[in-house]
N, C-alpha and C. Protein backbone atom coordinates (compact mmCIF):
# COMPACT_ATOMS: atom_id res chain seq x y z
N MET A 1 122.16 166.69 93.34
CA MET A 1 122.08 165.87 94.55
C MET A 1 123.37 164.96 94.52
N SER A 2 123.99 164.85 95.53
CA SER A 2 125.11 164.04 95.77
C SER A 2 124.90 162.62 96.00
N THR A 3 125.88 161.79 95.41
CA THR A 3 125.59 160.39 95.67
C THR A 3 126.45 159.85 96.94
N ASP A 4 126.98 160.91 97.67
CA ASP A 4 127.82 160.50 98.87
C ASP A 4 126.78 160.10 99.98
N ARG A 5 127.17 158.93 100.44
CA ARG A 5 126.33 158.21 101.42
C ARG A 5 126.89 158.16 102.94
N LYS A 6 127.94 158.88 102.89
CA LYS A 6 128.69 158.74 104.27
C LYS A 6 127.91 159.07 105.46
N ASP A 7 127.02 160.14 105.49
CA ASP A 7 126.37 160.55 106.52
C ASP A 7 125.20 159.59 106.84
N SER A 8 124.38 159.09 105.96
CA SER A 8 123.36 158.10 106.01
C SER A 8 123.54 156.67 106.20
N GLU A 9 124.73 156.19 105.87
CA GLU A 9 124.96 154.79 105.99
C GLU A 9 126.27 154.48 106.62
N MET A 10 126.88 155.44 107.40
CA MET A 10 128.18 155.36 107.85
C MET A 10 128.27 154.11 108.98
N ALA A 11 127.22 153.88 109.59
CA ALA A 11 127.22 152.86 110.63
C ALA A 11 127.63 151.39 110.27
N GLU A 12 126.97 151.08 109.04
CA GLU A 12 127.17 149.71 108.52
C GLU A 12 126.99 149.69 107.07
N PHE A 13 127.76 148.81 106.48
CA PHE A 13 127.75 148.53 105.18
C PHE A 13 127.01 147.22 105.00
N THR A 14 125.92 147.15 104.21
CA THR A 14 125.04 146.04 104.23
C THR A 14 125.02 145.33 102.82
N LEU A 15 124.46 144.25 102.77
CA LEU A 15 124.49 143.43 101.55
C LEU A 15 123.66 144.30 100.49
N ASP A 16 122.72 144.90 100.93
CA ASP A 16 121.86 145.83 100.03
C ASP A 16 122.85 147.02 99.47
N SER A 17 123.60 147.52 100.31
CA SER A 17 124.52 148.52 99.87
C SER A 17 125.49 148.11 98.83
N LEU A 18 125.94 146.83 98.97
CA LEU A 18 126.85 146.24 97.96
C LEU A 18 126.05 145.95 96.75
N LYS A 19 124.91 145.52 96.73
CA LYS A 19 124.11 145.21 95.67
C LYS A 19 123.84 146.55 94.74
N ARG A 20 123.50 147.62 95.40
CA ARG A 20 123.36 148.96 94.83
C ARG A 20 124.81 149.20 94.10
N LEU A 21 125.93 149.22 94.82
CA LEU A 21 127.06 149.60 94.19
C LEU A 21 127.44 148.71 92.91
N LEU A 22 127.20 147.39 93.09
CA LEU A 22 127.49 146.42 91.94
C LEU A 22 126.77 146.74 90.73
N ARG A 23 125.53 147.15 90.96
CA ARG A 23 124.65 147.37 89.81
C ARG A 23 125.03 148.78 89.19
N GLU A 24 125.45 149.61 89.98
CA GLU A 24 125.90 150.87 89.43
C GLU A 24 127.20 150.90 88.74
N VAL A 25 128.12 150.14 89.23
CA VAL A 25 129.57 150.14 88.57
C VAL A 25 129.57 149.04 87.50
N ALA A 26 128.83 147.99 87.52
CA ALA A 26 129.00 146.85 86.48
C ALA A 26 127.69 146.31 86.11
N GLY A 27 126.59 146.78 86.51
CA GLY A 27 125.23 146.36 86.07
C GLY A 27 125.06 144.90 86.64
N GLU A 28 123.95 144.31 86.04
CA GLU A 28 123.60 142.97 86.52
C GLU A 28 123.60 142.05 85.31
N GLU A 29 124.22 141.03 85.45
CA GLU A 29 124.25 140.02 84.34
C GLU A 29 122.90 139.40 84.11
N GLU A 30 122.54 139.20 82.87
CA GLU A 30 121.23 138.49 82.62
C GLU A 30 121.22 137.21 83.05
N GLY A 31 120.08 136.79 83.70
CA GLY A 31 119.96 135.53 84.42
C GLY A 31 120.35 135.43 85.82
N VAL A 32 120.98 136.62 86.28
CA VAL A 32 121.29 136.67 87.71
C VAL A 32 120.39 137.69 88.43
N ASP A 33 119.80 137.14 89.53
CA ASP A 33 118.87 138.01 90.35
C ASP A 33 119.59 138.30 91.60
N LEU A 34 120.17 139.59 91.67
CA LEU A 34 120.84 140.13 92.79
C LEU A 34 119.87 140.29 94.00
N ASP A 35 118.64 140.12 93.81
CA ASP A 35 117.60 140.44 94.89
C ASP A 35 117.35 138.99 95.50
N SER A 36 117.87 137.84 95.00
CA SER A 36 117.79 136.63 95.55
C SER A 36 118.79 136.46 96.66
N GLU A 37 118.97 135.32 97.25
CA GLU A 37 119.83 135.03 98.37
C GLU A 37 121.33 134.87 97.61
N ILE A 38 122.13 136.02 97.66
CA ILE A 38 123.31 135.98 97.03
C ILE A 38 124.51 135.94 97.98
N ALA A 39 124.38 136.17 99.33
CA ALA A 39 125.44 136.30 100.28
C ALA A 39 126.56 135.32 100.15
N SER A 40 126.19 134.00 99.96
CA SER A 40 127.24 133.03 99.80
C SER A 40 127.68 132.68 98.48
N ALA A 41 127.08 133.27 97.51
CA ALA A 41 127.42 132.91 96.03
C ALA A 41 128.74 133.48 95.72
N THR A 42 129.46 132.88 94.78
CA THR A 42 130.75 133.57 94.49
C THR A 42 130.49 134.66 93.47
N PHE A 43 131.43 135.64 93.47
CA PHE A 43 131.29 136.81 92.47
C PHE A 43 131.24 136.12 91.19
N GLU A 44 132.01 135.21 90.78
CA GLU A 44 132.11 134.46 89.59
C GLU A 44 130.53 134.10 89.07
N GLN A 45 129.96 133.34 90.21
CA GLN A 45 128.59 132.86 89.80
C GLN A 45 127.65 134.00 89.38
N LEU A 46 127.98 135.22 90.06
CA LEU A 46 127.02 136.35 89.91
C LEU A 46 127.53 137.15 88.72
N GLY A 47 128.53 136.86 88.04
CA GLY A 47 129.10 137.38 86.82
C GLY A 47 129.87 138.72 87.03
N TYR A 48 130.53 138.76 88.27
CA TYR A 48 131.61 139.87 88.56
C TYR A 48 132.94 139.41 88.56
N ASP A 49 133.80 140.12 87.83
CA ASP A 49 135.19 139.73 87.76
C ASP A 49 135.83 140.70 88.63
N SER A 50 137.15 140.62 88.70
CA SER A 50 138.02 141.35 89.57
C SER A 50 137.94 142.96 89.22
N LEU A 51 137.77 143.31 87.99
CA LEU A 51 137.67 144.55 87.52
C LEU A 51 136.30 145.28 88.25
N ALA A 52 135.35 144.49 88.24
CA ALA A 52 134.04 145.04 88.85
C ALA A 52 134.26 145.23 90.37
N LEU A 53 134.92 144.24 90.99
CA LEU A 53 135.26 144.43 92.31
C LEU A 53 136.01 145.55 92.72
N LEU A 54 137.07 145.79 91.82
CA LEU A 54 137.91 146.92 92.16
C LEU A 54 137.12 148.20 91.97
N GLU A 55 136.38 148.36 90.93
CA GLU A 55 135.59 149.60 90.80
C GLU A 55 134.57 149.64 92.02
N ALA A 56 134.01 148.69 92.51
CA ALA A 56 133.17 148.76 93.58
C ALA A 56 133.96 149.20 94.86
N SER A 57 135.14 148.66 94.88
CA SER A 57 136.16 149.19 95.97
C SER A 57 136.33 150.67 95.91
N ALA A 58 136.56 151.15 94.71
CA ALA A 58 136.70 152.66 94.64
C ALA A 58 135.63 153.43 95.01
N ARG A 59 134.39 152.96 94.74
CA ARG A 59 133.19 153.65 95.22
C ARG A 59 133.07 153.54 96.67
N ILE A 60 133.38 152.32 97.30
CA ILE A 60 133.23 152.13 98.77
C ILE A 60 134.22 153.23 99.44
N LYS A 61 135.34 153.39 98.94
CA LYS A 61 136.30 154.36 99.35
C LYS A 61 135.73 155.80 99.36
N ARG A 62 135.21 156.11 98.11
CA ARG A 62 134.53 157.40 97.93
C ARG A 62 133.30 157.68 98.87
N GLU A 63 132.47 156.66 98.98
CA GLU A 63 131.25 156.85 99.74
C GLU A 63 131.23 156.58 101.10
N TYR A 64 132.13 155.64 101.64
CA TYR A 64 132.26 155.23 102.99
C TYR A 64 133.44 155.53 103.70
N GLY A 65 134.42 156.01 103.01
CA GLY A 65 135.75 156.39 103.60
C GLY A 65 136.62 155.18 103.92
N VAL A 66 136.22 153.96 103.46
CA VAL A 66 137.08 152.82 103.67
C VAL A 66 137.84 152.38 102.51
N ALA A 67 139.30 152.48 102.74
CA ALA A 67 140.11 152.11 101.63
C ALA A 67 140.53 150.65 101.81
N LEU A 68 140.31 149.87 100.82
CA LEU A 68 140.56 148.42 100.80
C LEU A 68 141.75 148.12 99.98
N ALA A 69 142.55 147.26 100.44
CA ALA A 69 143.66 146.80 99.50
C ALA A 69 143.19 145.99 98.27
N ASP A 70 143.73 146.24 97.11
CA ASP A 70 143.24 145.57 96.06
C ASP A 70 143.28 144.05 96.10
N ASP A 71 144.38 143.63 96.74
CA ASP A 71 144.70 142.12 97.03
C ASP A 71 143.49 141.73 97.87
N ASP A 72 143.04 142.44 98.86
CA ASP A 72 142.02 141.97 99.80
C ASP A 72 140.66 141.83 99.06
N VAL A 73 140.42 142.83 98.24
CA VAL A 73 139.15 142.96 97.48
C VAL A 73 138.99 141.73 96.47
N THR A 74 140.10 141.58 95.69
CA THR A 74 140.05 140.43 94.79
C THR A 74 140.16 139.17 95.32
N SER A 75 140.54 138.93 96.56
CA SER A 75 140.65 137.61 97.13
C SER A 75 139.39 137.20 97.94
N VAL A 76 138.40 138.12 98.15
CA VAL A 76 137.23 137.65 98.78
C VAL A 76 136.38 136.82 97.80
N GLY A 77 135.73 135.84 98.41
CA GLY A 77 135.02 134.93 97.43
C GLY A 77 133.55 135.14 97.33
N SER A 78 132.87 135.91 98.32
CA SER A 78 131.47 136.07 98.17
C SER A 78 131.12 137.48 98.78
N PRO A 79 129.88 137.85 98.32
CA PRO A 79 129.40 139.22 98.77
C PRO A 79 129.33 139.37 100.31
N SER A 80 129.06 138.37 101.10
CA SER A 80 128.98 138.46 102.55
C SER A 80 130.41 138.67 103.13
N GLU A 81 131.47 138.02 102.40
CA GLU A 81 132.94 138.38 102.84
C GLU A 81 133.31 139.64 102.51
N LEU A 82 132.90 140.36 101.47
CA LEU A 82 133.29 141.60 101.13
C LEU A 82 132.43 142.66 102.06
N VAL A 83 131.23 142.32 102.33
CA VAL A 83 130.50 143.18 103.32
C VAL A 83 131.10 143.29 104.72
N ASP A 84 131.67 142.05 105.10
CA ASP A 84 132.36 141.96 106.49
C ASP A 84 133.68 142.73 106.24
N LEU A 85 134.31 142.71 105.27
CA LEU A 85 135.67 143.42 105.07
C LEU A 85 135.29 144.95 104.99
N VAL A 86 134.44 145.31 104.45
CA VAL A 86 134.01 146.81 104.54
C VAL A 86 133.68 147.26 106.01
N ASN A 87 132.81 146.47 106.64
CA ASN A 87 132.44 146.82 107.94
C ASN A 87 133.59 146.73 108.90
N GLU A 88 134.54 145.89 108.73
CA GLU A 88 135.90 145.94 109.62
C GLU A 88 136.44 147.18 109.38
N GLY A 89 136.50 147.80 108.08
CA GLY A 89 137.25 148.96 107.87
C GLY A 89 136.45 150.10 108.46
N LEU A 90 135.19 149.98 108.48
CA LEU A 90 134.29 151.05 109.00
C LEU A 90 134.59 151.11 110.61
N ASN A 91 134.59 149.87 111.16
CA ASN A 91 134.92 149.98 112.60
C ASN A 91 136.27 150.53 113.08
N VAL A 92 137.38 150.19 112.08
CA VAL A 92 138.61 150.81 112.45
C VAL A 92 138.54 152.42 112.27
N THR A 93 137.78 152.82 111.15
CA THR A 93 137.72 154.37 110.89
C THR A 93 137.01 154.97 112.05
N ALA A 94 135.95 154.39 112.44
CA ALA A 94 135.04 155.05 113.58
C ALA A 94 135.77 154.94 114.90
N GLY A 95 136.64 153.96 115.20
CA GLY A 95 137.35 153.82 116.40
C GLY A 95 138.41 154.73 116.59
């Protein structure tokens, strides 16, 4: 079974999509509950460094067809900002 989610989730990249990717590429730091309200938390507070974000970005490109610049990915401060960035890319690709 393929992990390619382009067909099923192409319309929107959600916070839940990001949580899934982060767990898959970098795990979940002890003491951090990704299922809590994390939208405005910093990636540092959540235990994710730039390497984890770049790994998530590679998966986003593969699964959603959105290529994000490394500088853009490492400069976002929170999960909600990254979700917005991916959705902007989805809108461009769909348009």
